[in-house]
Every structure is written in structure tokens, then in C-alpha cells.
Protein backbone atom coordinates (compact mmCIF):
# COMPACT_ATOMS: atom_id res chain seq x y z
CA MET A 1 9.37 -38.88 13.11
CA LEU A 2 7.36 -38.29 9.97
CA VAL A 3 5.51 -35.57 8.14
CA VAL A 4 1.83 -36.23 8.67
CA CYS A 5 -0.60 -35.09 5.97
CA TRP A 6 -3.70 -36.97 7.12
CA ALA A 7 -4.86 -39.75 9.38
CA ALA A 8 -7.56 -42.24 8.62
CA ALA A 9 -10.33 -42.44 11.21
CA THR A 10 -9.88 -45.87 12.75
CA ALA A 11 -12.50 -45.53 15.50
CA THR A 12 -16.27 -45.37 15.04
CA ALA A 13 -18.45 -42.98 17.01
CA ALA A 14 -19.72 -45.89 19.07
CA ASP A 15 -16.34 -47.13 20.29
CA ARG A 16 -14.51 -43.83 20.75
CA PRO A 17 -13.70 -43.36 24.44
CA ASN A 18 -13.97 -40.36 26.67
CA ILE A 19 -10.45 -39.36 27.69
CA VAL A 20 -9.54 -38.25 31.21
CA PHE A 21 -5.90 -37.22 31.48
CA ILE A 22 -4.45 -36.63 34.96
CA LEU A 23 -1.00 -35.03 35.04
CA ALA A 24 0.57 -34.95 38.50
CA ASP A 25 3.15 -32.21 39.11
CA ASP A 26 6.67 -33.15 40.26
CA VAL A 27 5.84 -36.83 40.81
CA GLY A 28 8.27 -39.41 39.42
CA CYS A 29 8.21 -43.18 39.56
CA ASP A 30 10.04 -43.15 42.89
CA ALA A 31 6.98 -41.62 44.55
CA ILE A 32 4.38 -44.16 43.36
CA GLY A 33 3.73 -47.40 45.21
CA CYS A 34 3.08 -49.65 42.23
CA TYR A 35 6.47 -48.64 40.77
CA GLY A 36 8.33 -49.55 43.92
CA GLY A 37 7.96 -46.29 45.82
CA GLN A 38 7.92 -47.04 49.54
CA SER A 39 7.70 -43.61 51.17
CA TYR A 40 4.13 -42.58 50.34
CA ALA A 41 0.79 -44.36 50.27
CA THR A 42 -0.81 -44.05 46.83
CA PRO A 43 -3.73 -46.49 46.91
CA ASN A 44 -5.91 -44.65 44.40
CA VAL A 45 -3.12 -44.30 41.86
CA ASP A 46 -2.10 -47.92 42.42
CA ALA A 47 -5.69 -49.00 41.79
CA ILE A 48 -5.44 -47.65 38.23
CA ALA A 49 -2.45 -49.94 37.68
CA ALA A 50 -4.31 -52.90 39.15
CA ASP A 51 -7.26 -52.29 36.83
CA GLY A 52 -5.26 -51.36 33.73
CA LEU A 53 -1.79 -51.10 32.21
CA LYS A 54 1.44 -50.03 33.88
CA PHE A 55 4.04 -48.71 31.45
CA THR A 56 7.60 -49.10 32.70
CA HIS A 57 9.39 -46.88 30.16
CA CYS A 58 7.58 -43.55 29.92
CA TYR A 59 9.77 -40.43 29.67
CA SER A 60 9.02 -36.74 30.02
CA MET A 61 11.11 -33.64 29.69
CA PRO A 62 12.92 -32.86 32.97
CA SER A 63 10.75 -29.85 33.83
CA CYS A 64 7.14 -28.79 33.59
CA HIS A 65 6.83 -26.29 30.73
CA PRO A 66 8.72 -28.31 28.09
CA THR A 67 6.70 -31.40 29.00
CA ARG A 68 3.43 -29.52 28.55
CA MET A 69 4.58 -28.18 25.20
CA THR A 70 5.37 -31.70 24.02
CA LEU A 71 2.08 -33.10 25.33
CA LEU A 72 -0.07 -30.47 23.65
CA THR A 73 1.68 -30.46 20.28
CA GLY A 74 3.10 -33.96 19.79
CA ARG A 75 6.37 -32.21 18.97
CA TYR A 76 9.63 -31.73 20.86
CA PRO A 77 10.50 -28.26 22.23
CA ARG A 78 13.64 -28.16 20.08
CA ARG A 79 11.44 -28.49 17.01
CA LEU A 80 9.28 -25.63 18.29
CA GLY A 81 12.27 -23.33 18.59
CA GLY A 82 12.64 -23.73 22.35
CA PRO A 83 9.82 -21.33 23.34
CA ARG A 84 10.53 -19.09 26.30
CA TRP A 85 9.31 -20.26 29.68
CA GLY A 86 5.59 -19.88 30.19
CA SER A 87 4.71 -19.27 26.54
CA PHE A 88 3.15 -21.11 23.62
CA PRO A 89 3.88 -20.55 19.91
CA ALA A 90 0.94 -18.86 18.19
CA ASP A 91 1.32 -20.96 15.05
CA GLU A 92 0.82 -24.14 17.12
CA GLU A 93 -2.51 -23.01 18.57
CA PRO A 94 -4.72 -24.52 15.81
CA ARG A 95 -3.18 -27.99 16.11
CA THR A 96 -3.03 -28.87 19.80
CA ILE A 97 -4.22 -32.12 21.30
CA ALA A 98 -7.40 -30.35 22.49
CA ARG A 99 -8.02 -28.83 19.06
CA VAL A 100 -7.58 -32.23 17.38
CA LEU A 101 -10.16 -33.79 19.69
CA LYS A 102 -12.52 -30.82 19.51
CA ASN A 103 -12.48 -31.04 15.72
CA ALA A 104 -13.53 -34.69 16.10
CA GLY A 105 -16.60 -33.67 18.10
CA TYR A 106 -15.25 -33.95 21.63
CA ALA A 107 -16.16 -31.51 24.38
CA THR A 108 -12.91 -30.30 25.95
CA ALA A 109 -11.95 -28.82 29.31
CA VAL A 110 -8.84 -28.15 31.40
CA ALA A 111 -8.58 -27.39 35.10
CA GLY A 112 -5.54 -26.83 37.32
CA LYS A 113 -2.14 -25.66 36.11
CA TRP A 114 -1.86 -23.85 32.77
CA GLN A 115 1.62 -22.28 32.59
CA LEU A 116 1.44 -21.39 28.90
CA ALA A 117 0.88 -17.66 29.43
CA LEU A 118 0.25 -15.04 32.08
CA LEU A 119 -3.49 -15.30 31.65
CA ARG A 120 -4.17 -11.80 32.91
CA ASP A 121 -2.68 -10.71 29.58
CA ASP A 122 -4.49 -13.27 27.42
CA LEU A 123 -7.62 -14.78 28.93
CA ALA A 124 -8.69 -16.23 25.58
CA GLN A 125 -5.58 -18.39 25.11
CA PRO A 126 -7.08 -21.67 26.44
CA PHE A 127 -10.02 -21.25 24.08
CA ARG A 128 -7.69 -20.76 21.10
CA LEU A 129 -5.81 -23.93 22.06
CA GLY A 130 -9.05 -25.89 21.76
CA PHE A 131 -10.53 -25.97 25.25
CA ASP A 132 -14.26 -25.25 25.48
CA GLN A 133 -13.97 -24.55 29.20
CA TYR A 134 -11.17 -23.88 31.66
CA SER A 135 -10.54 -23.24 35.34
CA VAL A 136 -6.86 -22.65 36.11
CA PHE A 137 -4.91 -20.85 38.80
CA GLY A 138 -3.26 -17.57 37.90
CA TRP A 139 0.34 -18.66 37.41
CA HIS A 140 2.61 -16.16 39.24
CA GLU A 141 -0.45 -14.11 40.19
CA GLY A 142 -1.64 -15.69 43.41
CA ALA A 143 -2.19 -18.84 45.45
CA ARG A 144 -2.90 -22.20 43.87
CA TYR A 145 -3.79 -24.09 47.06
CA TYR A 146 -5.83 -22.40 49.81
CA ASP A 147 -7.74 -19.23 48.84
CA PRO A 148 -6.65 -19.81 45.24
CA PHE A 149 -6.46 -17.18 42.52
CA ILE A 150 -8.44 -18.78 39.68
CA TYR A 151 -9.32 -17.72 36.18
CA GLU A 152 -12.39 -19.53 34.89
CA ASN A 153 -13.72 -19.19 31.35
CA ALA A 154 -12.13 -15.76 30.80
CA GLY A 155 -13.15 -14.36 34.18
CA ARG A 156 -11.78 -14.25 37.73
CA ARG A 157 -13.51 -16.44 40.32
CA ASP A 158 -14.58 -14.45 43.36
CA ASP A 159 -15.79 -17.31 45.58
CA THR A 160 -12.54 -19.07 46.48
CA ALA A 161 -11.92 -17.66 49.96
CA GLY A 162 -11.45 -20.47 52.47
CA LYS A 163 -11.46 -23.11 49.74
CA TYR A 164 -8.81 -25.56 48.58
CA GLY A 165 -7.64 -25.21 44.98
CA PRO A 166 -7.15 -28.89 44.11
CA ASP A 167 -10.73 -29.60 45.15
CA LEU A 168 -12.01 -26.71 43.05
CA TYR A 169 -10.10 -27.84 39.95
CA SER A 170 -11.29 -31.44 40.28
CA ASP A 171 -14.87 -30.31 41.05
CA PHE A 172 -14.84 -28.25 37.86
CA LEU A 173 -13.83 -31.23 35.74
CA ILE A 174 -16.30 -33.55 37.45
CA ASP A 175 -19.08 -31.05 36.73
CA PHE A 176 -17.85 -30.89 33.13
CA MET A 177 -17.97 -34.69 32.82
CA ARG A 178 -21.46 -34.75 34.30
CA ALA A 179 -22.71 -32.10 31.88
CA ASN A 180 -21.20 -33.90 28.89
CA ARG A 181 -21.82 -37.51 29.87
CA ARG A 182 -24.00 -38.10 26.81
CA ARG A 183 -21.27 -37.07 24.36
CA ARG A 184 -17.56 -37.74 24.06
CA PHE A 185 -15.25 -35.52 26.09
CA PHE A 186 -11.61 -34.80 26.87
CA ALA A 187 -11.04 -33.78 30.49
CA TYR A 188 -7.48 -32.64 31.26
CA LEU A 189 -6.41 -32.26 34.89
CA PRO A 190 -2.87 -30.81 35.13
CA MET A 191 -2.65 -30.92 38.90
CA ALA A 192 -1.18 -28.27 41.18
CA LEU A 193 -0.04 -31.10 43.44
CA CYS A 194 2.74 -31.89 44.27
CA HIS A 195 4.54 -28.67 43.28
CA ASP A 196 5.53 -26.39 46.14
CA VAL A 197 4.74 -22.67 46.02
CA THR A 198 7.04 -20.55 43.87
CA ASP A 199 4.67 -17.71 43.07
CA ASP A 200 6.45 -14.43 42.39
CA LEU A 201 4.76 -12.42 45.10
CA ASP A 202 5.99 -10.02 47.74
CA GLU A 203 4.79 -12.30 50.52
CA PRO A 204 4.88 -16.11 50.51
CA VAL A 205 1.57 -17.77 49.76
CA ALA A 206 0.58 -20.42 52.30
CA TYR A 207 -0.60 -23.87 51.33
CA GLY A 208 -3.07 -23.88 54.15
CA PRO A 209 -4.78 -21.76 56.77
CA ARG A 210 -2.70 -19.95 59.42
CA GLY A 211 0.47 -20.06 57.35
CA ARG A 212 0.80 -23.82 57.49
CA TYR A 213 2.87 -25.38 54.69
CA ASP A 214 2.50 -28.91 53.42
CA ASN A 215 5.67 -30.86 52.87
CA PHE A 216 6.04 -33.24 49.95
CA ALA A 217 4.66 -36.27 51.79
CA GLU A 218 1.51 -34.40 52.77
CA MET A 219 1.05 -33.20 49.21
CA MET A 220 1.36 -36.79 48.00
CA VAL A 221 -1.52 -37.77 50.28
CA GLU A 222 -3.63 -34.98 48.80
CA MET A 223 -2.64 -35.86 45.24
CA ASP A 224 -3.74 -39.45 45.71
CA ARG A 225 -6.99 -38.31 47.34
CA ILE A 226 -7.83 -36.12 44.34
CA VAL A 227 -7.10 -38.99 41.95
CA GLY A 228 -9.50 -41.15 43.96
CA LYS A 229 -12.10 -38.42 43.88
CA VAL A 230 -11.95 -38.27 40.08
CA THR A 231 -11.99 -42.04 39.57
CA THR A 232 -14.95 -42.37 41.95
CA ALA A 233 -16.83 -39.68 40.03
CA ILE A 234 -16.19 -41.46 36.73
CA ALA A 235 -17.73 -44.62 38.21
CA GLU A 236 -20.67 -42.84 39.85
CA LEU A 237 -21.51 -41.06 36.60
CA GLY A 238 -21.66 -44.44 34.86
CA LEU A 239 -18.78 -43.51 32.57
CA ALA A 240 -16.09 -46.02 33.49
CA GLU A 241 -16.75 -48.52 30.70
CA ASN A 242 -16.30 -45.97 27.92
CA THR A 243 -13.60 -43.80 29.48
CA LEU A 244 -9.87 -44.01 28.87
CA LEU A 245 -8.21 -42.87 32.11
CA VAL A 246 -4.56 -41.86 32.00
CA PHE A 247 -2.34 -40.97 34.96
CA THR A 248 1.21 -39.71 34.55
CA GLY A 249 3.68 -37.11 35.87
CA ASP A 250 5.15 -34.05 34.18
CA ASN A 251 8.75 -34.75 35.26
CA GLY A 252 10.70 -36.47 38.00
CA THR A 253 10.09 -35.85 41.68
CA ALA A 254 11.20 -32.47 42.98
CA MET A 255 14.78 -32.28 44.26
CA ARG A 256 13.72 -29.95 47.06
CA SER A 257 10.43 -28.82 48.55
CA ILE A 258 9.35 -26.01 50.84
CA VAL A 259 8.98 -27.13 54.43
CA ARG A 260 8.55 -23.81 56.25
CA VAL A 261 8.86 -20.04 56.07
CA GLU A 262 11.32 -18.08 58.20
CA ASP A 263 11.45 -14.29 58.21
CA GLY A 264 9.36 -14.18 55.05
CA LYS A 265 11.65 -16.55 53.15
CA TYR A 266 10.94 -19.99 51.81
CA ILE A 267 13.03 -22.74 53.39
CA ARG A 268 13.48 -25.80 51.19
CA GLU A 269 14.88 -29.18 52.10
CA PRO A 270 15.83 -32.12 49.87
CA VAL A 271 13.13 -34.62 48.95
CA PHE A 272 14.34 -38.16 49.56
CA SER A 273 12.21 -41.23 48.89
CA VAL A 274 12.72 -44.95 49.30
CA TYR A 275 12.47 -46.50 45.85
CA ASN A 276 12.80 -50.26 45.40
CA GLY A 277 14.78 -50.46 48.61
CA ARG A 278 17.11 -47.52 47.86
CA ARG A 279 17.04 -44.00 49.25
CA VAL A 280 16.99 -41.59 46.32
CA GLN A 281 16.66 -37.84 45.91
CA GLY A 282 14.19 -36.40 43.44
CA GLY A 283 15.74 -35.45 40.12
CA LYS A 284 13.52 -32.77 38.59
CA THR A 285 15.46 -30.54 36.10
CA LEU A 286 18.07 -33.27 35.52
CA LEU A 287 18.32 -35.37 32.37
CA THR A 288 18.88 -38.48 34.49
CA ASP A 289 16.10 -41.01 35.03
CA GLY A 290 15.39 -39.19 38.29
CA GLY A 291 14.28 -36.20 36.24
CA THR A 292 12.61 -37.85 33.25
CA HIS A 293 11.33 -41.35 34.16
CA VAL A 294 7.66 -40.92 35.04
CA PRO A 295 4.72 -43.20 35.83
CA LEU A 296 2.20 -43.96 33.11
CA LEU A 297 -0.96 -45.85 34.01
CA VAL A 298 -3.78 -46.41 31.52
CA ARG A 299 -7.20 -47.93 32.24
CA TRP A 300 -10.02 -48.64 29.82
CA PRO A 301 -12.31 -51.33 31.25
CA GLY A 302 -13.05 -54.13 28.82
CA VAL A 303 -10.19 -53.04 26.56
CA THR A 304 -6.99 -52.90 28.60
CA ARG A 305 -6.07 -56.02 30.54
CA PRO A 306 -6.03 -55.53 34.32
CA GLY A 307 -2.61 -55.57 35.95
CA GLU A 308 -0.61 -55.89 32.73
CA VAL A 309 2.94 -54.48 32.69
CA VAL A 310 4.07 -52.94 29.39
CA ASP A 311 7.73 -52.32 28.56
CA ASP A 312 7.15 -50.28 25.37
CA LEU A 313 8.99 -46.98 25.06
CA ILE A 314 6.69 -43.97 25.42
CA ASP A 315 7.41 -40.25 25.51
CA PHE A 316 5.09 -37.27 25.79
CA SER A 317 4.95 -36.61 22.06
CA ASP A 318 3.02 -39.90 21.74
CA PHE A 319 -0.19 -38.81 23.47
CA LEU A 320 -1.50 -36.60 20.66
CA PRO A 321 -1.35 -39.24 17.91
CA THR A 322 -2.58 -41.92 20.31
CA PHE A 323 -5.65 -39.96 21.38
CA ALA A 324 -6.30 -38.92 17.78
CA GLU A 325 -6.31 -42.54 16.62
CA LEU A 326 -8.63 -43.62 19.44
CA ALA A 327 -10.98 -40.71 18.71
CA GLY A 328 -11.01 -41.26 14.96
CA ALA A 329 -9.62 -37.73 14.60
CA GLU A 330 -7.53 -36.23 11.84
CA LEU A 331 -3.98 -35.30 12.78
CA PRO A 332 -2.59 -31.81 12.15
CA THR A 333 -1.59 -31.33 8.52
CA GLY A 334 1.66 -30.14 7.03
CA VAL A 335 3.78 -30.44 10.18
CA THR A 336 6.27 -32.95 11.48
CA LEU A 337 5.06 -34.87 14.50
CA ASP A 338 7.56 -36.58 16.78
CA GLY A 339 4.99 -38.82 18.42
CA HIS A 340 4.07 -42.42 17.65
CA SER A 341 0.60 -43.69 18.43
CA PHE A 342 0.44 -46.51 20.95
CA ALA A 343 -3.34 -46.86 20.54
CA ARG A 344 -3.02 -50.39 19.19
CA ARG A 345 -1.07 -51.41 22.27
CA LEU A 346 -4.25 -50.54 24.17
CA THR A 347 -6.80 -52.03 21.80
CA ARG A 348 -4.99 -54.92 20.07
CA ASP A 349 -1.94 -55.58 22.24
CA GLU A 350 0.36 -54.57 19.38
CA PRO A 351 3.66 -53.00 20.46
CA SER A 352 4.41 -49.34 19.89
CA MET A 353 6.49 -48.50 16.82
CA ARG A 354 8.77 -46.20 18.81
CA ARG A 355 12.40 -47.35 18.63
CA TRP A 356 13.89 -44.63 20.84
CA ALA A 357 12.71 -41.95 23.26
CA TYR A 358 14.02 -38.40 23.60
CA ALA A 359 14.38 -35.74 26.28
CA GLU A 360 16.10 -32.35 26.31
CA ARG A 361 17.15 -29.59 28.62
CA GLY A 362 18.45 -26.42 27.04
CA GLU A 363 21.00 -27.33 24.39
CA HIS A 364 21.57 -30.85 25.69
CA PHE A 365 19.55 -34.00 25.09
CA TRP A 366 19.59 -37.76 25.16
CA VAL A 367 18.06 -40.58 23.18
CA ARG A 368 17.46 -44.04 24.59
CA THR A 369 16.10 -47.49 24.02
CA GLY A 370 14.83 -49.59 26.90
CA ASP A 371 18.30 -50.50 28.14
CA TRP A 372 20.71 -48.04 26.51
CA LYS A 373 20.99 -44.25 26.75
CA LEU A 374 23.17 -41.97 24.61
CA TYR A 375 23.71 -38.28 25.34
CA ASP A 376 24.44 -35.63 22.74
CA ASP A 377 27.99 -35.34 24.14
CA GLY A 378 28.67 -39.02 23.41
CA ARG A 379 28.24 -40.47 26.92
CA LEU A 380 26.70 -43.93 26.75
CA PHE A 381 25.13 -45.84 29.63
CA HIS A 382 23.67 -49.30 30.03
CA MET A 383 20.65 -48.33 32.08
CA ALA A 384 19.62 -51.90 32.88
CA ASP A 385 22.48 -52.19 35.37
CA ASP A 386 23.55 -48.55 35.83
CA ALA A 387 20.40 -46.52 36.45
CA ASP A 388 22.43 -43.85 38.27
CA GLU A 389 24.67 -43.34 35.23
CA GLN A 390 27.94 -43.83 37.08
CA LYS A 391 29.71 -46.13 34.60
CA PRO A 392 30.01 -44.75 31.06
CA ILE A 393 30.43 -47.44 28.42
CA ASP A 394 33.12 -47.37 25.73
CA PRO A 395 31.10 -47.99 22.53
CA THR A 396 34.14 -49.39 20.72
CA LYS A 397 33.98 -52.42 23.00
CA LEU A 398 30.38 -53.31 22.15
CA ASP A 399 29.45 -56.24 19.96
CA GLY A 400 26.39 -58.18 18.92
CA ALA A 401 22.99 -56.82 19.95
CA ALA A 402 24.57 -54.07 22.07
CA ALA A 403 26.49 -52.76 19.06
CA ASP A 404 23.28 -52.80 17.02
CA GLU A 405 21.50 -50.77 19.73
CA TYR A 406 24.35 -48.25 19.71
CA THR A 407 24.06 -47.87 15.94
CA VAL A 408 20.34 -47.07 16.32
CA LEU A 409 21.10 -44.48 19.00
CA GLN A 410 23.90 -42.86 16.98
CA ALA A 411 21.49 -42.34 14.10
CA ALA A 412 18.88 -40.99 16.50
CA VAL A 413 21.32 -38.46 17.95
CA GLU A 414 22.15 -37.18 14.49
CA GLN A 415 18.47 -36.95 13.66
CA ALA A 416 17.79 -35.03 16.87
CA ARG A 417 20.62 -32.60 16.11
CA THR A 418 18.81 -31.53 12.95
CA LEU A 419 15.57 -30.50 14.68
CA PRO A 420 13.50 -28.66 13.65
């Protein structure tokens, strides 16, 4: 962590990439084929890994809103004062990831899930955060899937009857890419899929016609289809060679998902997936790997090496400084960023400078290296052979390299305690 006053522009206008950022909802590593997920077919997502980089140690917050806060600001929620759910600090609005790229000359757009305000009360918020255009469903105002309730560029869409939200969100961004194909752009797709319906409405909102509800497996099929639709559009628009495509998830796979409605009530059942030969339940909301270990796939043809596996530590605060470096953009001034750019891992195969990653839930948090994980309450786990965190390690019995790792994590915990 460091106080950033300025950033030198390292990219020229000619080599700055377009950036397409796809954020799947409630999809952890256990759900993705190229990570060892065996329950769902994800050919379009897997194709990104085959054509680009697969990061094995990317970590999010354990739930959606804190992850989005970290992504947009490059700062941990604890540093931001732990904003209430579904809000965004006003003083952070001028220095978001979209604002940084917009200031560097990028066209910017977002489509899908917003969750940073009840937009009916503040339709201008996406503009203030740096997005030139937006098309997002009305969070807690109506449906996000079939017959979706959509706010688009400060107005309510009135043509969504009989249409499928994820197709409308992706269509919007594809149209945006087409319109801006002769300039640099940032297209952000925070997907509705694969989150089940939790809208605060008097009557449940169906995923599909005639009250039919998709279960998690069906939503995974749709998620992968939408990813394929976007990647195909990038190719057909002739943009692949100068577009950085990123796919990741906002937290671990959901623990439970709606499977039906009985007497007007949602009925949820656990989500189990086969992951590297083991049957595991989704861990969203938990600080375990099941809640925070997410896929990260990055493709930039001619720059990233196809099929390469990268073990660098990454967390969601890293995207803002990474994209800023690739875009030749100035970083926000006078604030402390938690992120570390991994741009040179993409362009020069230089490892990230991050020594430890961080995640929090409420008052509790952990810090970790690739193999070791230390909680704020002192619990220590060797994740390389105890991914389920069943065997706490006595740090007094460590020696050699393990003792050195523990020393790093102890210092990191004390640093995290002092945030902001």
C-alpha cells in the first residue's frame, strides 16, 4: 500500500488497449471448467484461458457489494469506512476506475448489475462515477432476467417486455463497442448471472416465462453463452488484437440457489459442485477460499501468451492501477491505493509486486500469501495442503521459509488493522 501522487504514462496512444471487463455474479473457481470444475460446461470461458492467461491466485471479497467497491476504487472497504450495503462514498466518485480511464480519453460504459445505489433516487450516479453510458437493472425495483426493469442513461426502458435481461445488457455493450471501435473504450459487464432472484418485491419475480425458475446449472449455461456472445462480437468487430479481455467473478459460488416457488415463497437448495474430483458447496459470504477464491482469465492477443498459468497473487484492488498503467492514465492523487499493478506481468512477463492479498467481512479479515493464510484472530493455515482450513498451524513450530512467511503475514495483519 502506498500514497500515490502521480503516475507516469507508460503506454502510448497507439498501444493502449480497449478493455472489456466481464464480472460474473456468484461464480467461483469451482464452477469453471479450466479451474477443475466438473459440474458445468463452460467452453466459452475456458476458451479465454486457452487463448490467454489463467491466474490461480485471484481473491475477491466474499460478497458482491464490497468486491465492487474495491474494484472501482482500488481501495479496501475498511479503508472506505465500510460503506453501507448498496451505497458508494461521494468523495470517491471523482477517482473511480471509470473516471481514471475516461480522463485518459477512453469512452466508458457499464451494463448489467450496478448495486451502488437505488437508482430511482439518483439516476445520475453512474455518470458521476465516470461512465458515459449505462444500462443496468433496477436493483430491488424489479426483474433482472425476463421482462427486466432497466434504467438506461438516466431513463427507464419501456421496451423490455418478453425480453431476456442478460441479452439486453450484452447487446448494449456490443453496440457501445461498435460505436466506439475507432477510439479506445472501457466496457464493463457486471453480469446478472448467476445470482438468483432476491428482489424485495411483494411477489417473486420469475427468471423466465410462465413462472419458470432457472437453477444454478441452467444459469451457468446462460452465463457461458453470454461470454461467448461478447467474445464473438469483439472478433467480428475486428477489435480482438487491440482489446484486453478480462473475465472474473465477484465472489465464490453461491451457497444456495432458488430452485422453485411454493405458496409465493422462494425455496432454496444448496449448490454443490464437483471441483477437482471433490464435491464442494459454494462458499459465498464466507472468508474461506470457497467464498473468496475466484477465476481470473486475461486475454490480449499478441501480448499475453496463450495457455499460460500464472501463480501471482491478485486481489480486486489491483485492477484500477493495472488498467491505468496500460492506458497511460494518471492515478488518483492524494489518496492511498491498496492495489498493485500487474500490467507488466501481461506485457513483459514480470511478476506482480504484491506480497500478500487481503479480504474482509464485517470486522474480520485475513491476509495470505500463495500458500499461507492468517486471520485477524490469529488462526494460521497452510493452504497448500489444507484448503478447507481444518488444521490450524501453531506458528511457534514454524522454521525456515515458513517462519519467514509468517513474519510477513504478521506485519500485514498489523498493517490491515490500521486501515484507513
